[in-house]
Amino acid sequence: MSQEIDEVEPDAVADIPGPDLNTNTPRRRAPTGTCDCHLHIFGAPNKVKLNPGREYTPAEADLLQLGARNKVLGIDNVVGNCQL
């Protein structure tokens, strides 16, 4: 995979759905210390530099949305890639 990053694309529009902002509380909480070990967070697609060879244009998300989702799901830790 190419590591080259394109310039900002001012006309870029997300072509996949963004995060579900209405996450439901699960019947069973995740065990204490649960870690979401794979995630990506991207800022607005028309403001961040994206790989020109990408297969999709991500929807915008932010750390506050991630924190709110994790609180509902009972996730205490994350390992991920943020491009904000």
C-alpha atoms as a PDB file:
ATOM      1  CA  MET A   1       0.000   0.000   0.000  1.00  0.00           C
ATOM      2  CA  SER A   2       1.273   3.408  -0.893  1.00  0.00           C
ATOM      3  CA  GLN A   3       2.112   5.712   1.997  1.00  0.00           C
ATOM      4  CA  GLU A   4       2.009   8.811  -0.177  1.00  0.00           C
ATOM      5  CA  ILE A   5      -0.607  11.331   0.873  1.00  0.00           C
ATOM      6  CA  ASP A   6      -2.413  13.495  -1.639  1.00  0.00           C
ATOM      7  CA  GLU A   7      -3.090  17.173  -1.170  1.00  0.00           C
ATOM      8  CA  VAL A   8      -6.321  18.200   0.494  1.00  0.00           C
ATOM      9  CA  GLU A   9      -9.226  17.638  -1.881  1.00  0.00           C
ATOM     10  CA  PRO A  10     -11.637  20.539  -1.293  1.00  0.00           C
ATOM     11  CA  ASP A  11     -14.442  18.779  -3.217  1.00  0.00           C
ATOM     12  CA  ALA A  12     -14.069  15.396  -1.505  1.00  0.00           C
ATOM     13  CA  VAL A  13     -17.352  13.925  -0.298  1.00  0.00           C
ATOM     14  CA  ALA A  14     -17.702  10.830   1.888  1.00  0.00           C
ATOM     15  CA  ASP A  15     -18.975   7.804  -0.021  1.00  0.00           C
ATOM     16  CA  ILE A  16     -19.530   5.517   2.969  1.00  0.00           C
ATOM     17  CA  PRO A  17     -21.799   6.056   5.983  1.00  0.00           C
ATOM     18  CA  GLY A  18     -20.459   7.885   8.993  1.00  0.00           C
ATOM     19  CA  PRO A  19     -20.525   6.615  12.556  1.00  0.00           C
ATOM     20  CA  ASP A  20     -23.863   5.580  14.078  1.00  0.00           C
ATOM     21  CA  LEU A  21     -24.617   8.407  16.496  1.00  0.00           C
ATOM     22  CA  ASN A  22     -27.511   6.494  18.057  1.00  0.00           C
ATOM     23  CA  THR A  23     -25.613   3.539  19.478  1.00  0.00           C
ATOM     24  CA  ASN A  24     -27.891   1.406  21.652  1.00  0.00           C
ATOM     25  CA  THR A  25     -26.814   0.205  25.075  1.00  0.00           C
ATOM     26  CA  PRO A  26     -26.053  -3.515  24.789  1.00  0.00           C
ATOM     27  CA  ARG A  27     -27.881  -5.992  27.020  1.00  0.00           C
ATOM     28  CA  ARG A  28     -24.531  -7.036  28.470  1.00  0.00           C
ATOM     29  CA  ARG A  29     -21.741  -4.525  29.076  1.00  0.00           C
ATOM     30  CA  ALA A  30     -18.290  -5.279  27.856  1.00  0.00           C
ATOM     31  CA  PRO A  31     -15.912  -6.521  30.575  1.00  0.00           C
ATOM     32  CA  THR A  32     -13.966  -3.831  32.457  1.00  0.00           C
ATOM     33  CA  GLY A  33     -10.812  -2.932  30.546  1.00  0.00           C
ATOM     34  CA  THR A  34     -12.242  -3.857  27.130  1.00  0.00           C
ATOM     35  CA  CYS A  35     -10.189  -2.414  24.251  1.00  0.00           C
ATOM     36  CA  ASP A  36     -11.393  -1.591  20.742  1.00  0.00           C
ATOM     37  CA  CYS A  37      -8.224  -2.648  18.979  1.00  0.00           C
ATOM     38  CA  HIS A  38      -8.959  -1.403  15.467  1.00  0.00           C
ATOM     39  CA  LEU A  39     -10.483   1.895  14.472  1.00  0.00           C
ATOM     40  CA  HIS A  40      -9.899   4.864  12.233  1.00  0.00           C
ATOM     41  CA  ILE A  41     -11.133   8.407  12.778  1.00  0.00           C
ATOM     42  CA  PHE A  42     -11.013  10.947   9.977  1.00  0.00           C
ATOM     43  CA  GLY A  43     -11.796  14.638  10.004  1.00  0.00           C
ATOM     44  CA  ALA A  44     -13.894  16.223   7.260  1.00  0.00           C
ATOM     45  CA  PRO A  45     -13.012  14.538   3.931  1.00  0.00           C
ATOM     46  CA  ASN A  46     -12.581  17.926   2.271  1.00  0.00           C
ATOM     47  CA  LYS A  47     -10.109  19.110   4.937  1.00  0.00           C
ATOM     48  CA  VAL A  48      -7.719  16.207   5.600  1.00  0.00           C
ATOM     49  CA  LYS A  49      -5.077  14.791   3.286  1.00  0.00           C
ATOM     50  CA  LEU A  50      -6.148  11.414   1.889  1.00  0.00           C
ATOM     51  CA  ASN A  51      -4.283   8.728  -0.004  1.00  0.00           C
ATOM     52  CA  PRO A  52      -4.973   9.199  -3.734  1.00  0.00           C
ATOM     53  CA  GLY A  53      -5.134   5.395  -4.172  1.00  0.00           C
ATOM     54  CA  ARG A  54      -7.799   4.920  -1.488  1.00  0.00           C
ATOM     55  CA  GLU A  55     -10.758   2.666  -2.165  1.00  0.00           C
ATOM     56  CA  TYR A  56     -13.257   4.887  -0.347  1.00  0.00           C
ATOM     57  CA  THR A  57     -13.642   8.381   1.063  1.00  0.00           C
ATOM     58  CA  PRO A  58     -14.365   8.199   4.805  1.00  0.00           C
ATOM     59  CA  ALA A  59     -17.103  10.101   6.588  1.00  0.00           C
ATOM     60  CA  GLU A  60     -16.174  12.692   9.209  1.00  0.00           C
ATOM     61  CA  ALA A  61     -15.950  11.628  12.846  1.00  0.00           C
ATOM     62  CA  ASP A  62     -14.300  13.046  15.933  1.00  0.00           C
ATOM     63  CA  LEU A  63     -12.935  11.985  19.293  1.00  0.00           C
ATOM     64  CA  LEU A  64     -16.057  13.182  21.137  1.00  0.00           C
ATOM     65  CA  GLN A  65     -18.218  10.842  19.032  1.00  0.00           C
ATOM     66  CA  LEU A  66     -15.813   7.989  19.714  1.00  0.00           C
ATOM     67  CA  GLY A  67     -15.908   8.684  23.457  1.00  0.00           C
ATOM     68  CA  ALA A  68     -19.718   8.796  23.503  1.00  0.00           C
ATOM     69  CA  ARG A  69     -19.977   5.504  21.577  1.00  0.00           C
ATOM     70  CA  ASN A  70     -17.429   3.828  23.819  1.00  0.00           C
ATOM     71  CA  LYS A  71     -19.225   4.982  26.954  1.00  0.00           C
ATOM     72  CA  VAL A  72     -22.490   3.412  25.733  1.00  0.00           C
ATOM     73  CA  LEU A  73     -20.748   0.176  24.756  1.00  0.00           C
ATOM     74  CA  GLY A  74     -18.563  -0.012  27.865  1.00  0.00           C
ATOM     75  CA  ILE A  75     -15.265   0.196  26.003  1.00  0.00           C
ATOM     76  CA  ASP A  76     -12.492   1.556  28.216  1.00  0.00           C
ATOM     77  CA  ASN A  77      -9.502   1.659  25.824  1.00  0.00           C
ATOM     78  CA  VAL A  78      -8.791   2.104  22.122  1.00  0.00           C
ATOM     79  CA  VAL A  79      -5.942   1.555  19.693  1.00  0.00           C
ATOM     80  CA  GLY A  80      -6.479   3.427  16.481  1.00  0.00           C
ATOM     81  CA  ASN A  81      -5.474   5.843  13.794  1.00  0.00           C
ATOM     82  CA  CYS A  82      -6.754   9.427  13.931  1.00  0.00           C
ATOM     83  CA  GLN A  83      -6.379  11.864  11.063  1.00  0.00           C
ATOM     84  CA  LEU A  84      -8.071  15.064  12.191  1.00  0.00           C
END
